[in-house]
């Protein structure tokens, strides 16, 4: 009888284990199914974020240059990055100098294993808001500083009059020959006073003014951020916008790097504009007020100092930098964009 009792107990235990294993397998399979479907949903979510980011950035670029980005451009970039994405809303606000645009989109997601639990499909949504405007800091600058404003009451002449006329309407392009003889350029912004020994070449990092640095910045651009200030201020009130001069740097040693900018095709790049100079030579400090986008057409870096020049084509365009200037008093047609929100109900970081 005791042996029979043990045999019955063993069968009961084996049956209980089988039931436990079966239940565990259901749970494990359900968890695996959920994990696989959640992973798929997550990948779709990442793709949707990429799609709305690119769509909002492209639409913002249109609005920054007085074109319409909603809905055509936004839809186009959604399709390129996520063919099943559907545009829900594309809402711009602002003008060409400053504004933002929000792109909302959804896509349907079919589940694979969760269907056994009664869930066939779902939706994934993404929202991106991008602002555009005049940049207050720029990276990739070339070190050719240009006088870009005069003291109040002064009348510009020659190349400076041409440049300021273009600044008043930067929606077009303008080709201007800028003198780069010693003193010619910085004197224009210094109320006619000498800036001895300076060519208006800018030392962005305050280093030793080495030829290697200058040559690298001319060919590849300065990789740090360079900041601008407000017209009429100075290096006491806005020290962050002041950069030293690079005395003696504009010479024939830059010809190879300048040739690389000529192309073909000619490269588009940004340069700084200043409105005041303090000091002289390498001790000069340039108060930067804005940036301009240009193409190099022609140059001369040798011969008599008074004969050296850069011929630049000024044009509007997009640049890599920090957005955006509040209440700008100078607009060179340069724009930067930045993602400022991923929640359409919180646009606090998108305000000017």
C-alpha atoms as a PDB file:
ATOM      1  CA  UNK A   1       0.000   0.000   0.000  1.00  0.00           C
ATOM      2  CA  UNK A   2       2.839   2.370   0.771  1.00  0.00           C
ATOM      3  CA  UNK A   3       4.385   1.665  -2.657  1.00  0.00           C
ATOM      4  CA  UNK A   4       1.044   2.322  -4.348  1.00  0.00           C
ATOM      5  CA  UNK A   5       0.719   5.575  -2.475  1.00  0.00           C
ATOM      6  CA  UNK A   6       4.180   6.681  -3.640  1.00  0.00           C
ATOM      7  CA  UNK A   7       3.307   5.827  -7.253  1.00  0.00           C
ATOM      8  CA  UNK A   8       0.148   7.940  -7.197  1.00  0.00           C
ATOM      9  CA  UNK A   9       1.977  10.846  -5.620  1.00  0.00           C
ATOM     10  CA  UNK A  10       4.685  10.689  -8.343  1.00  0.00           C
ATOM     11  CA  UNK A  11       2.074  10.860 -11.123  1.00  0.00           C
ATOM     12  CA  UNK A  12       0.432  13.827  -9.488  1.00  0.00           C
ATOM     13  CA  UNK A  13       3.779  15.632  -9.257  1.00  0.00           C
ATOM     14  CA  UNK A  14       4.599  14.937 -12.899  1.00  0.00           C
ATOM     15  CA  UNK A  15       1.203  16.226 -13.943  1.00  0.00           C
ATOM     16  CA  UNK A  16       1.644  19.372 -11.862  1.00  0.00           C
ATOM     17  CA  UNK A  17       5.059  19.997 -13.415  1.00  0.00           C
ATOM     18  CA  UNK A  18       3.654  19.569 -16.912  1.00  0.00           C
ATOM     19  CA  UNK A  19       0.919  22.093 -16.208  1.00  0.00           C
ATOM     20  CA  UNK A  20       3.427  24.542 -14.715  1.00  0.00           C
ATOM     21  CA  UNK A  21       5.722  24.177 -17.725  1.00  0.00           C
ATOM     22  CA  UNK A  22       2.826  24.709 -20.109  1.00  0.00           C
ATOM     23  CA  UNK A  23       1.695  27.821 -18.282  1.00  0.00           C
ATOM     24  CA  UNK A  24       5.271  29.093 -18.117  1.00  0.00           C
ATOM     25  CA  UNK A  25       5.689  28.547 -21.847  1.00  0.00           C
ATOM     26  CA  UNK A  26       2.578  30.586 -22.518  1.00  0.00           C
ATOM     27  CA  UNK A  27       3.931  33.403 -20.363  1.00  0.00           C
ATOM     28  CA  UNK A  28       7.389  33.171 -21.918  1.00  0.00           C
ATOM     29  CA  UNK A  29       6.031  33.079 -25.440  1.00  0.00           C
ATOM     30  CA  UNK A  30       3.780  36.019 -24.656  1.00  0.00           C
ATOM     31  CA  UNK A  31       6.722  37.968 -23.227  1.00  0.00           C
ATOM     32  CA  UNK A  32       8.834  37.095 -26.256  1.00  0.00           C
ATOM     33  CA  UNK A  33       6.039  38.158 -28.582  1.00  0.00           C
ATOM     34  CA  UNK A  34       5.627  41.396 -26.675  1.00  0.00           C
ATOM     35  CA  UNK A  35       9.378  42.052 -26.747  1.00  0.00           C
ATOM     36  CA  UNK A  36       9.589  41.448 -30.492  1.00  0.00           C
ATOM     37  CA  UNK A  37       6.601  43.655 -31.242  1.00  0.00           C
ATOM     38  CA  UNK A  38       7.806  46.381 -28.857  1.00  0.00           C
ATOM     39  CA  UNK A  39      11.211  46.273 -30.546  1.00  0.00           C
ATOM     40  CA  UNK A  40       9.559  46.692 -33.924  1.00  0.00           C
ATOM     41  CA  UNK A  41       7.418  49.562 -32.641  1.00  0.00           C
ATOM     42  CA  UNK A  42      10.543  51.199 -31.192  1.00  0.00           C
ATOM     43  CA  UNK A  43      12.372  50.956 -34.526  1.00  0.00           C
ATOM     44  CA  UNK A  44       9.373  52.492 -36.281  1.00  0.00           C
ATOM     45  CA  UNK A  45       9.346  55.252 -33.698  1.00  0.00           C
ATOM     46  CA  UNK A  46      13.013  56.039 -34.348  1.00  0.00           C
ATOM     47  CA  UNK A  47      12.353  56.130 -38.085  1.00  0.00           C
ATOM     48  CA  UNK A  48       9.399  58.458 -37.542  1.00  0.00           C
ATOM     49  CA  UNK A  49      11.526  60.818 -35.448  1.00  0.00           C
ATOM     50  CA  UNK A  50      14.085  60.961 -38.259  1.00  0.00           C
ATOM     51  CA  UNK A  51      11.290  61.602 -40.752  1.00  0.00           C
ATOM     52  CA  UNK A  52       9.644  64.472 -38.832  1.00  0.00           C
ATOM     53  CA  UNK A  53      13.061  65.980 -38.013  1.00  0.00           C
ATOM     54  CA  UNK A  54      14.044  66.087 -41.684  1.00  0.00           C
ATOM     55  CA  UNK A  55      10.588  67.299 -42.751  1.00  0.00           C
ATOM     56  CA  UNK A  56      10.552  70.143 -40.216  1.00  0.00           C
ATOM     57  CA  UNK A  57      14.133  71.182 -41.025  1.00  0.00           C
ATOM     58  CA  UNK A  58      13.362  71.273 -44.755  1.00  0.00           C
ATOM     59  CA  UNK A  59      10.139  73.232 -44.232  1.00  0.00           C
ATOM     60  CA  UNK A  60      11.937  75.688 -41.926  1.00  0.00           C
ATOM     61  CA  UNK A  61      14.601  76.247 -44.575  1.00  0.00           C
ATOM     62  CA  UNK A  62      11.882  77.203 -47.048  1.00  0.00           C
ATOM     63  CA  UNK A  63      10.236  79.679 -44.682  1.00  0.00           C
ATOM     64  CA  UNK A  64      13.601  81.226 -43.792  1.00  0.00           C
ATOM     65  CA  UNK A  65      13.947  82.298 -47.424  1.00  0.00           C
ATOM     66  CA  UNK A  66      10.371  83.456 -48.031  1.00  0.00           C
ATOM     67  CA  UNK A  67       9.175  80.197 -49.551  1.00  0.00           C
ATOM     68  CA  UNK A  68       6.310  77.949 -48.444  1.00  0.00           C
ATOM     69  CA  UNK A  69       7.295  74.740 -46.666  1.00  0.00           C
ATOM     70  CA  UNK A  70       3.874  73.373 -45.687  1.00  0.00           C
ATOM     71  CA  UNK A  71       2.588  70.961 -46.744  1.00  0.00           C
ATOM     72  CA  UNK A  72       4.493  70.112 -49.936  1.00  0.00           C
ATOM     73  CA  UNK A  73       8.092  70.190 -48.677  1.00  0.00           C
ATOM     74  CA  UNK A  74       7.230  68.543 -45.373  1.00  0.00           C
ATOM     75  CA  UNK A  75       5.321  65.750 -47.107  1.00  0.00           C
ATOM     76  CA  UNK A  76       8.145  65.202 -49.588  1.00  0.00           C
ATOM     77  CA  UNK A  77      10.741  64.737 -46.823  1.00  0.00           C
ATOM     78  CA  UNK A  78       8.415  62.503 -44.819  1.00  0.00           C
ATOM     79  CA  UNK A  79       8.054  60.234 -47.864  1.00  0.00           C
ATOM     80  CA  UNK A  80      11.805  60.148 -48.433  1.00  0.00           C
ATOM     81  CA  UNK A  81      12.521  59.023 -44.875  1.00  0.00           C
ATOM     82  CA  UNK A  82       9.418  56.977 -44.037  1.00  0.00           C
ATOM     83  CA  UNK A  83       7.201  56.042 -47.013  1.00  0.00           C
ATOM     84  CA  UNK A  84       4.232  55.003 -44.839  1.00  0.00           C
ATOM     85  CA  UNK A  85       4.259  58.169 -42.714  1.00  0.00           C
ATOM     86  CA  UNK A  86       1.159  60.340 -42.963  1.00  0.00           C
ATOM     87  CA  UNK A  87       1.324  64.082 -42.373  1.00  0.00           C
ATOM     88  CA  UNK A  88      -1.171  65.060 -39.663  1.00  0.00           C
ATOM     89  CA  UNK A  89      -0.293  68.736 -39.306  1.00  0.00           C
ATOM     90  CA  UNK A  90       2.264  71.250 -40.587  1.00  0.00           C
ATOM     91  CA  UNK A  91       1.981  74.594 -38.795  1.00  0.00           C
ATOM     92  CA  UNK A  92       4.325  77.568 -39.416  1.00  0.00           C
ATOM     93  CA  UNK A  93       4.579  80.770 -37.388  1.00  0.00           C
ATOM     94  CA  UNK A  94       6.661  83.920 -37.898  1.00  0.00           C
ATOM     95  CA  UNK A  95       8.377  85.590 -40.852  1.00  0.00           C
ATOM     96  CA  UNK A  96      11.584  85.095 -42.808  1.00  0.00           C
ATOM     97  CA  UNK A  97      13.761  86.701 -40.116  1.00  0.00           C
ATOM     98  CA  UNK A  98      12.468  84.465 -37.343  1.00  0.00           C
ATOM     99  CA  UNK A  99       9.855  81.763 -36.908  1.00  0.00           C
ATOM    100  CA  UNK A 100       9.214  78.090 -36.338  1.00  0.00           C
ATOM    101  CA  UNK A 101       7.302  75.234 -37.934  1.00  0.00           C
ATOM    102  CA  UNK A 102       5.828  72.106 -36.334  1.00  0.00           C
ATOM    103  CA  UNK A 103       5.447  68.847 -38.261  1.00  0.00           C
ATOM    104  CA  UNK A 104       3.240  66.084 -36.797  1.00  0.00           C
ATOM    105  CA  UNK A 105       3.003  62.677 -38.465  1.00  0.00           C
ATOM    106  CA  UNK A 106       1.767  59.159 -37.760  1.00  0.00           C
ATOM    107  CA  UNK A 107       2.203  55.697 -39.253  1.00  0.00           C
ATOM    108  CA  UNK A 108       0.321  52.437 -38.815  1.00  0.00           C
ATOM    109  CA  UNK A 109       2.228  49.513 -37.321  1.00  0.00           C
ATOM    110  CA  UNK A 110       1.156  45.894 -37.843  1.00  0.00           C
ATOM    111  CA  UNK A 111       1.919  43.561 -34.935  1.00  0.00           C
ATOM    112  CA  UNK A 112       3.215  40.041 -35.503  1.00  0.00           C
ATOM    113  CA  UNK A 113       2.940  38.000 -32.324  1.00  0.00           C
ATOM    114  CA  UNK A 114       0.667  40.215 -30.280  1.00  0.00           C
ATOM    115  CA  UNK A 115      -2.204  39.166 -32.538  1.00  0.00           C
ATOM    116  CA  UNK A 116      -2.643  36.036 -30.444  1.00  0.00           C
ATOM    117  CA  UNK A 117      -3.465  38.414 -27.588  1.00  0.00           C
ATOM    118  CA  UNK A 118      -6.025  40.243 -29.700  1.00  0.00           C
ATOM    119  CA  UNK A 119      -3.880  43.205 -30.825  1.00  0.00           C
ATOM    120  CA  UNK A 120      -3.471  43.364 -34.598  1.00  0.00           C
ATOM    121  CA  UNK A 121      -2.009  46.847 -35.092  1.00  0.00           C
ATOM    122  CA  UNK A 122      -1.321  50.263 -33.598  1.00  0.00           C
ATOM    123  CA  UNK A 123      -0.018  53.700 -34.541  1.00  0.00           C
ATOM    124  CA  UNK A 124       3.256  55.504 -33.948  1.00  0.00           C
ATOM    125  CA  UNK A 125       3.349  59.309 -33.782  1.00  0.00           C
ATOM    126  CA  UNK A 126       6.172  61.834 -33.892  1.00  0.00           C
ATOM    127  CA  UNK A 127       6.351  65.631 -33.692  1.00  0.00           C
ATOM    128  CA  UNK A 128       9.249  67.988 -34.407  1.00  0.00           C
ATOM    129  CA  UNK A 129       9.391  71.776 -34.222  1.00  0.00           C
ATOM    130  CA  UNK A 130      12.253  73.647 -35.885  1.00  0.00           C
ATOM    131  CA  UNK A 131      13.011  77.346 -35.547  1.00  0.00           C
ATOM    132  CA  UNK A 132      14.870  79.475 -38.060  1.00  0.00           C
ATOM    133  CA  UNK A 133      16.462  82.894 -37.895  1.00  0.00           C
ATOM    134  CA  UNK A 134      19.565  85.055 -38.065  1.00  0.00           C
ATOM    135  CA  UNK A 135      22.452  83.263 -36.291  1.00  0.00           C
ATOM    136  CA  UNK A 136      24.208  84.953 -33.364  1.00  0.00           C
ATOM    137  CA  UNK A 137      27.120  82.498 -33.560  1.00  0.00           C
ATOM    138  CA  UNK A 138      28.590  80.653 -36.533  1.00  0.00           C
ATOM    139  CA  UNK A 139      31.045  77.824 -37.086  1.00  0.00           C
ATOM    140  CA  UNK A 140      33.162  77.227 -40.194  1.00  0.00           C
ATOM    141  CA  UNK A 141      34.048  80.931 -40.588  1.00  0.00           C
ATOM    142  CA  UNK A 142      36.893  82.111 -42.781  1.00  0.00           C
ATOM    143  CA  UNK A 143      39.046  84.788 -41.124  1.00  0.00           C
ATOM    144  CA  UNK A 144      38.445  87.663 -43.585  1.00  0.00           C
ATOM    145  CA  UNK A 145      36.834  90.404 -41.503  1.00  0.00           C
ATOM    146  CA  UNK A 146      34.883  93.106 -43.327  1.00  0.00           C
ATOM    147  CA  UNK A 147      33.716  96.493 -42.175  1.00  0.00           C
ATOM    148  CA  UNK A 148      29.937  96.158 -42.224  1.00  0.00           C
ATOM    149  CA  UNK A 149      28.602  99.337 -40.591  1.00  0.00           C
ATOM    150  CA  UNK A 150      29.577 102.953 -40.066  1.00  0.00           C
ATOM    151  CA  UNK A 151      29.101 105.291 -37.098  1.00  0.00           C
ATOM    152  CA  UNK A 152      25.757 107.085 -37.186  1.00  0.00           C
ATOM    153  CA  UNK A 153      25.810 110.074 -39.527  1.00  0.00           C
ATOM    154  CA  UNK A 154      28.668 108.751 -41.668  1.00  0.00           C
ATOM    155  CA  UNK A 155      28.060 108.245 -45.394  1.00  0.00           C
ATOM    156  CA  UNK A 156      29.599 105.123 -46.971  1.00  0.00           C
ATOM    157  CA  UNK A 157      31.389 105.353 -50.307  1.00  0.00           C
ATOM    158  CA  UNK A 158      32.976 102.955 -52.792  1.00  0.00           C
ATOM    159  CA  UNK A 159      32.926  99.248 -51.956  1.00  0.00           C
ATOM    160  CA  UNK A 160      31.382  99.853 -48.528  1.00  0.00           C
ATOM    161  CA  UNK A 161      28.418 101.652 -50.097  1.00  0.00           C
ATOM    162  CA  UNK A 162      27.945  98.640 -52.396  1.00  0.00           C
ATOM    163  CA  UNK A 163      28.114  96.245 -49.449  1.00  0.00           C
ATOM    164  CA  UNK A 164      25.630  98.202 -47.338  1.00  0.00           C
ATOM    165  CA  UNK A 165      23.281  98.513 -50.318  1.00  0.00           C
ATOM    166  CA  UNK A 166      23.342  94.725 -50.571  1.00  0.00           C
ATOM    167  CA  UNK A 167      22.695  94.362 -46.821  1.00  0.00           C
ATOM    168  CA  UNK A 168      19.546  96.435 -47.348  1.00  0.00           C
ATOM    169  CA  UNK A 169      18.348  93.811 -49.854  1.00  0.00           C
ATOM    170  CA  UNK A 170      20.200  90.525 -49.229  1.00  0.00           C
ATOM    171  CA  UNK A 171      17.698  88.446 -51.192  1.00  0.00           C
ATOM    172  CA  UNK A 172      19.838  88.897 -54.314  1.00  0.00           C
ATOM    173  CA  UNK A 173      23.516  88.306 -55.035  1.00  0.00           C
ATOM    174  CA  UNK A 174      26.114  91.071 -55.413  1.00  0.00           C
ATOM    175  CA  UNK A 175      29.729  90.913 -56.579  1.00  0.00           C
ATOM    176  CA  UNK A 176      32.023  93.414 -54.797  1.00  0.00           C
ATOM    177  CA  UNK A 177      35.789  93.960 -54.885  1.00  0.00           C
ATOM    178  CA  UNK A 178      37.055  94.491 -51.313  1.00  0.00           C
ATOM    179  CA  UNK A 179      40.442  96.218 -50.903  1.00  0.00           C
ATOM    180  CA  UNK A 180      42.773  94.282 -48.644  1.00  0.00           C
ATOM    181  CA  UNK A 181      45.656  96.687 -48.566  1.00  0.00           C
ATOM    182  CA  UNK A 182      46.951  97.416 -45.100  1.00  0.00           C
ATOM    183  CA  UNK A 183      44.510  99.695 -43.216  1.00  0.00           C
ATOM    184  CA  UNK A 184      42.022 100.090 -46.111  1.00  0.00           C
ATOM    185  CA  UNK A 185      39.367  97.773 -44.719  1.00  0.00           C
ATOM    186  CA  UNK A 186      39.601  98.380 -40.942  1.00  0.00           C
ATOM    187  CA  UNK A 187      39.895 102.168 -41.389  1.00  0.00           C
ATOM    188  CA  UNK A 188      36.464 102.236 -43.042  1.00  0.00           C
ATOM    189  CA  UNK A 189      34.896 101.159 -39.745  1.00  0.00           C
ATOM    190  CA  UNK A 190      37.223 103.190 -37.546  1.00  0.00           C
ATOM    191  CA  UNK A 191      35.967 106.640 -38.494  1.00  0.00           C
ATOM    192  CA  UNK A 192      38.896 107.007 -40.904  1.00  0.00           C
ATOM    193  CA  UNK A 193      41.529 106.522 -38.215  1.00  0.00           C
ATOM    194  CA  UNK A 194      44.544 104.316 -38.854  1.00  0.00           C
ATOM    195  CA  UNK A 195      44.678 100.753 -37.594  1.00  0.00           C
ATOM    196  CA  UNK A 196      48.431 100.344 -38.114  1.00  0.00           C
ATOM    197  CA  UNK A 197      49.711  96.993 -39.282  1.00  0.00           C
ATOM    198  CA  UNK A 198      46.318  95.339 -39.686  1.00  0.00           C
ATOM    199  CA  UNK A 199      44.616  93.766 -42.680  1.00  0.00           C
ATOM    200  CA  UNK A 200      41.328  92.924 -40.925  1.00  0.00           C
ATOM    201  CA  UNK A 201      42.262  89.273 -40.697  1.00  0.00           C
ATOM    202  CA  UNK A 202      40.620  87.860 -37.569  1.00  0.00           C
ATOM    203  CA  UNK A 203      42.309  85.645 -34.963  1.00  0.00           C
ATOM    204  CA  UNK A 204      39.373  83.526 -33.786  1.00  0.00           C
ATOM    205  CA  UNK A 205      41.041  81.656 -30.929  1.00  0.00           C
ATOM    206  CA  UNK A 206      43.408  84.293 -29.550  1.00  0.00           C
ATOM    207  CA  UNK A 207      46.418  82.114 -30.282  1.00  0.00           C
ATOM    208  CA  UNK A 208      49.883  82.885 -31.559  1.00  0.00           C
ATOM    209  CA  UNK A 209      48.716  84.047 -35.021  1.00  0.00           C
ATOM    210  CA  UNK A 210      50.597  81.204 -36.681  1.00  0.00           C
ATOM    211  CA  UNK A 211      50.536  80.941 -40.467  1.00  0.00           C
ATOM    212  CA  UNK A 212      49.439  77.304 -40.152  1.00  0.00           C
ATOM    213  CA  UNK A 213      46.304  78.301 -38.214  1.00  0.00           C
ATOM    214  CA  UNK A 214      45.378  81.021 -40.683  1.00  0.00           C
ATOM    215  CA  UNK A 215      45.939  78.758 -43.674  1.00  0.00           C
ATOM    216  CA  UNK A 216      43.797  76.038 -42.091  1.00  0.00           C
ATOM    217  CA  UNK A 217      40.963  78.479 -41.333  1.00  0.00           C
ATOM    218  CA  UNK A 218      41.057  79.837 -44.886  1.00  0.00           C
ATOM    219  CA  UNK A 219      40.862  76.379 -46.457  1.00  0.00           C
ATOM    220  CA  UNK A 220      38.622  74.533 -43.974  1.00  0.00           C
ATOM    221  CA  UNK A 221      36.981  77.173 -41.808  1.00  0.00           C
ATOM    222  CA  UNK A 222      37.346  77.723 -38.059  1.00  0.00           C
ATOM    223  CA  UNK A 223      35.618  74.821 -36.297  1.00  0.00           C
ATOM    224  CA  UNK A 224      34.721  76.673 -33.102  1.00  0.00           C
ATOM    225  CA  UNK A 225      31.780  79.022 -32.588  1.00  0.00           C
ATOM    226  CA  UNK A 226      32.326  82.732 -33.208  1.00  0.00           C
ATOM    227  CA  UNK A 227      29.824  85.148 -31.640  1.00  0.00           C
ATOM    228  CA  UNK A 228      28.401  88.463 -32.826  1.00  0.00           C
ATOM    229  CA  UNK A 229      27.152  91.449 -30.859  1.00  0.00           C
ATOM    230  CA  UNK A 230      25.013  94.522 -31.425  1.00  0.00           C
ATOM    231  CA  UNK A 231      25.830  97.379 -33.770  1.00  0.00           C
ATOM    232  CA  UNK A 232      27.073 100.423 -31.865  1.00  0.00           C
ATOM    233  CA  UNK A 233      28.397  98.519 -28.855  1.00  0.00           C
ATOM    234  CA  UNK A 234      32.102  97.942 -28.181  1.00  0.00           C
ATOM    235  CA  UNK A 235      34.607  95.574 -26.626  1.00  0.00           C
ATOM    236  CA  UNK A 236      33.900  96.872 -23.132  1.00  0.00           C
ATOM    237  CA  UNK A 237      30.157  96.284 -23.259  1.00  0.00           C
ATOM    238  CA  UNK A 238      30.294  93.142 -25.414  1.00  0.00           C
ATOM    239  CA  UNK A 239      33.642  91.450 -24.871  1.00  0.00           C
ATOM    240  CA  UNK A 240      32.181  88.127 -26.105  1.00  0.00           C
ATOM    241  CA  UNK A 241      31.838  89.626 -29.603  1.00  0.00           C
ATOM    242  CA  UNK A 242      35.437  90.900 -29.831  1.00  0.00           C
ATOM    243  CA  UNK A 243      38.293  89.039 -31.497  1.00  0.00           C
ATOM    244  CA  UNK A 244      41.925  89.964 -32.014  1.00  0.00           C
ATOM    245  CA  UNK A 245      43.430  90.926 -35.339  1.00  0.00           C
ATOM    246  CA  UNK A 246      45.905  88.683 -37.144  1.00  0.00           C
ATOM    247  CA  UNK A 247      48.531  91.170 -38.266  1.00  0.00           C
ATOM    248  CA  UNK A 248      50.443  90.557 -41.486  1.00  0.00           C
ATOM    249  CA  UNK A 249      48.407  87.460 -42.376  1.00  0.00           C
ATOM    250  CA  UNK A 250      47.024  88.573 -45.731  1.00  0.00           C
ATOM    251  CA  UNK A 251      49.811  87.628 -48.110  1.00  0.00           C
ATOM    252  CA  UNK A 252      50.915  85.276 -50.844  1.00  0.00           C
ATOM    253  CA  UNK A 253      51.232  82.411 -48.327  1.00  0.00           C
ATOM    254  CA  UNK A 254      47.438  82.050 -48.554  1.00  0.00           C
ATOM    255  CA  UNK A 255      47.287  81.587 -52.329  1.00  0.00           C
ATOM    256  CA  UNK A 256      47.004  77.788 -52.257  1.00  0.00           C
ATOM    257  CA  UNK A 257      44.145  77.910 -49.748  1.00  0.00           C
ATOM    258  CA  UNK A 258      42.373  80.681 -51.648  1.00  0.00           C
ATOM    259  CA  UNK A 259      42.683  78.655 -54.844  1.00  0.00           C
ATOM    260  CA  UNK A 260      40.847  75.807 -53.107  1.00  0.00           C
ATOM    261  CA  UNK A 261      37.938  78.178 -52.409  1.00  0.00           C
ATOM    262  CA  UNK A 262      37.807  79.218 -56.070  1.00  0.00           C
ATOM    263  CA  UNK A 263      36.888  75.657 -57.040  1.00  0.00           C
ATOM    264  CA  UNK A 264      35.534  74.549 -59.371  1.00  0.00           C
ATOM    265  CA  UNK A 265      32.896  74.646 -58.151  1.00  0.00           C
ATOM    266  CA  UNK A 266      33.414  77.792 -56.055  1.00  0.00           C
ATOM    267  CA  UNK A 267      32.785  77.119 -52.375  1.00  0.00           C
ATOM    268  CA  UNK A 268      30.188  79.050 -50.377  1.00  0.00           C
ATOM    269  CA  UNK A 269      31.473  80.132 -46.967  1.00  0.00           C
ATOM    270  CA  UNK A 270      30.814  82.655 -44.215  1.00  0.00           C
ATOM    271  CA  UNK A 271      32.909  85.608 -43.059  1.00  0.00           C
ATOM    272  CA  UNK A 272      32.487  87.997 -40.101  1.00  0.00           C
ATOM    273  CA  UNK A 273      31.446  91.677 -40.305  1.00  0.00           C
ATOM    274  CA  UNK A 274      32.598  94.235 -37.739  1.00  0.00           C
ATOM    275  CA  UNK A 275      31.644  97.814 -36.914  1.00  0.00           C
ATOM    276  CA  UNK A 276      34.535  99.002 -34.732  1.00  0.00           C
ATOM    277  CA  UNK A 277      38.230  98.343 -34.156  1.00  0.00           C
ATOM    278  CA  UNK A 278      40.236  99.117 -31.032  1.00  0.00           C
ATOM    279  CA  UNK A 279      44.027  99.017 -30.880  1.00  0.00           C
ATOM    280  CA  UNK A 280      46.421  98.181 -33.709  1.00  0.00           C
ATOM    281  CA  UNK A 281      48.391  95.330 -35.206  1.00  0.00           C
ATOM    282  CA  UNK A 282      47.971  92.038 -33.374  1.00  0.00           C
ATOM    283  CA  UNK A 283      46.587  94.012 -30.419  1.00  0.00           C
ATOM    284  CA  UNK A 284      43.614  95.201 -32.451  1.00  0.00           C
ATOM    285  CA  UNK A 285      40.211  93.974 -31.331  1.00  0.00           C
ATOM    286  CA  UNK A 286      37.378  93.716 -33.823  1.00  0.00           C
ATOM    287  CA  UNK A 287      33.810  94.053 -32.574  1.00  0.00           C
ATOM    288  CA  UNK A 288      31.799  91.602 -34.682  1.00  0.00           C
ATOM    289  CA  UNK A 289      28.167  92.406 -35.472  1.00  0.00           C
ATOM    290  CA  UNK A 290      27.061  89.878 -38.107  1.00  0.00           C
ATOM    291  CA  UNK A 291      28.127  87.280 -40.648  1.00  0.00           C
ATOM    292  CA  UNK A 292      27.765  87.100 -44.429  1.00  0.00           C
ATOM    293  CA  UNK A 293      27.795  84.230 -46.887  1.00  0.00           C
ATOM    294  CA  UNK A 294      30.032  84.649 -49.930  1.00  0.00           C
ATOM    295  CA  UNK A 295      31.805  82.985 -52.835  1.00  0.00           C
ATOM    296  CA  UNK A 296      35.368  83.929 -53.796  1.00  0.00           C
ATOM    297  CA  UNK A 297      35.541  85.149 -57.413  1.00  0.00           C
ATOM    298  CA  UNK A 298      39.069  86.543 -57.646  1.00  0.00           C
ATOM    299  CA  UNK A 299      41.915  87.668 -55.388  1.00  0.00           C
ATOM    300  CA  UNK A 300      45.345  89.238 -55.223  1.00  0.00           C
ATOM    301  CA  UNK A 301      47.602  88.678 -52.223  1.00  0.00           C
ATOM    302  CA  UNK A 302      50.974  89.817 -53.532  1.00  0.00           C
ATOM    303  CA  UNK A 303      52.484  92.991 -54.944  1.00  0.00           C
ATOM    304  CA  UNK A 304      51.937  96.445 -53.487  1.00  0.00           C
ATOM    305  CA  UNK A 305      49.839  96.465 -50.332  1.00  0.00           C
ATOM    306  CA  UNK A 306      47.341  98.908 -51.820  1.00  0.00           C
ATOM    307  CA  UNK A 307      46.721  96.563 -54.780  1.00  0.00           C
ATOM    308  CA  UNK A 308      45.641  93.511 -52.749  1.00  0.00           C
ATOM    309  CA  UNK A 309      41.973  92.597 -52.812  1.00  0.00           C
ATOM    310  CA  UNK A 310      39.265  89.959 -52.609  1.00  0.00           C
ATOM    311  CA  UNK A 311      36.403  89.935 -55.085  1.00  0.00           C
ATOM    312  CA  UNK A 312      33.459  88.333 -53.308  1.00  0.00           C
ATOM    313  CA  UNK A 313      29.972  87.432 -54.418  1.00  0.00           C
ATOM    314  CA  UNK A 314      27.586  88.075 -51.534  1.00  0.00           C
ATOM    315  CA  UNK A 315      24.538  85.848 -51.335  1.00  0.00           C
ATOM    316  CA  UNK A 316      21.847  84.731 -48.895  1.00  0.00           C
ATOM    317  CA  UNK A 317      21.996  81.204 -47.546  1.00  0.00           C
ATOM    318  CA  UNK A 318      21.863  78.667 -44.749  1.00  0.00           C
ATOM    319  CA  UNK A 319      24.810  78.266 -42.391  1.00  0.00           C
ATOM    320  CA  UNK A 320      25.730  76.076 -39.441  1.00  0.00           C
ATOM    321  CA  UNK A 321      25.384  78.139 -36.293  1.00  0.00           C
ATOM    322  CA  UNK A 322      23.405  79.028 -33.198  1.00  0.00           C
ATOM    323  CA  UNK A 323      19.905  80.388 -33.747  1.00  0.00           C
ATOM    324  CA  UNK A 324      18.642  83.079 -33.305  1.00  0.00           C
ATOM    325  CA  UNK A 325      19.312  86.833 -32.974  1.00  0.00           C
ATOM    326  CA  UNK A 326      16.602  88.705 -31.081  1.00  0.00           C
ATOM    327  CA  UNK A 327      15.459  92.004 -32.627  1.00  0.00           C
ATOM    328  CA  UNK A 328      18.178  92.068 -35.330  1.00  0.00           C
ATOM    329  CA  UNK A 329      19.386  95.449 -36.567  1.00  0.00           C
ATOM    330  CA  UNK A 330      21.370  93.992 -39.446  1.00  0.00           C
ATOM    331  CA  UNK A 331      20.317  91.201 -41.802  1.00  0.00           C
ATOM    332  CA  UNK A 332      22.743  89.778 -44.350  1.00  0.00           C
ATOM    333  CA  UNK A 333      20.375  87.054 -45.547  1.00  0.00           C
ATOM    334  CA  UNK A 334      22.186  84.398 -43.505  1.00  0.00           C
ATOM    335  CA  UNK A 335      19.973  81.904 -41.670  1.00  0.00           C
ATOM    336  CA  UNK A 336      20.402  79.040 -39.213  1.00  0.00           C
ATOM    337  CA  UNK A 337      17.916  76.383 -38.105  1.00  0.00           C
ATOM    338  CA  UNK A 338      17.581  74.362 -34.905  1.00  0.00           C
ATOM    339  CA  UNK A 339      15.237  71.721 -33.522  1.00  0.00           C
ATOM    340  CA  UNK A 340      13.567  73.447 -30.579  1.00  0.00           C
ATOM    341  CA  UNK A 341      10.749  71.085 -29.494  1.00  0.00           C
ATOM    342  CA  UNK A 342       9.500  67.504 -29.792  1.00  0.00           C
ATOM    343  CA  UNK A 343       6.313  68.194 -27.840  1.00  0.00           C
ATOM    344  CA  UNK A 344       3.807  70.337 -29.769  1.00  0.00           C
ATOM    345  CA  UNK A 345       2.287  71.445 -26.457  1.00  0.00           C
ATOM    346  CA  UNK A 346       5.544  72.944 -25.181  1.00  0.00           C
ATOM    347  CA  UNK A 347       7.118  75.433 -27.596  1.00  0.00           C
ATOM    348  CA  UNK A 348       8.812  77.538 -24.922  1.00  0.00           C
ATOM    349  CA  UNK A 349      12.265  76.897 -26.423  1.00  0.00           C
ATOM    350  CA  UNK A 350      11.038  78.006 -29.830  1.00  0.00           C
ATOM    351  CA  UNK A 351      10.215  81.567 -28.827  1.00  0.00           C
ATOM    352  CA  UNK A 352      12.577  84.463 -29.717  1.00  0.00           C
END
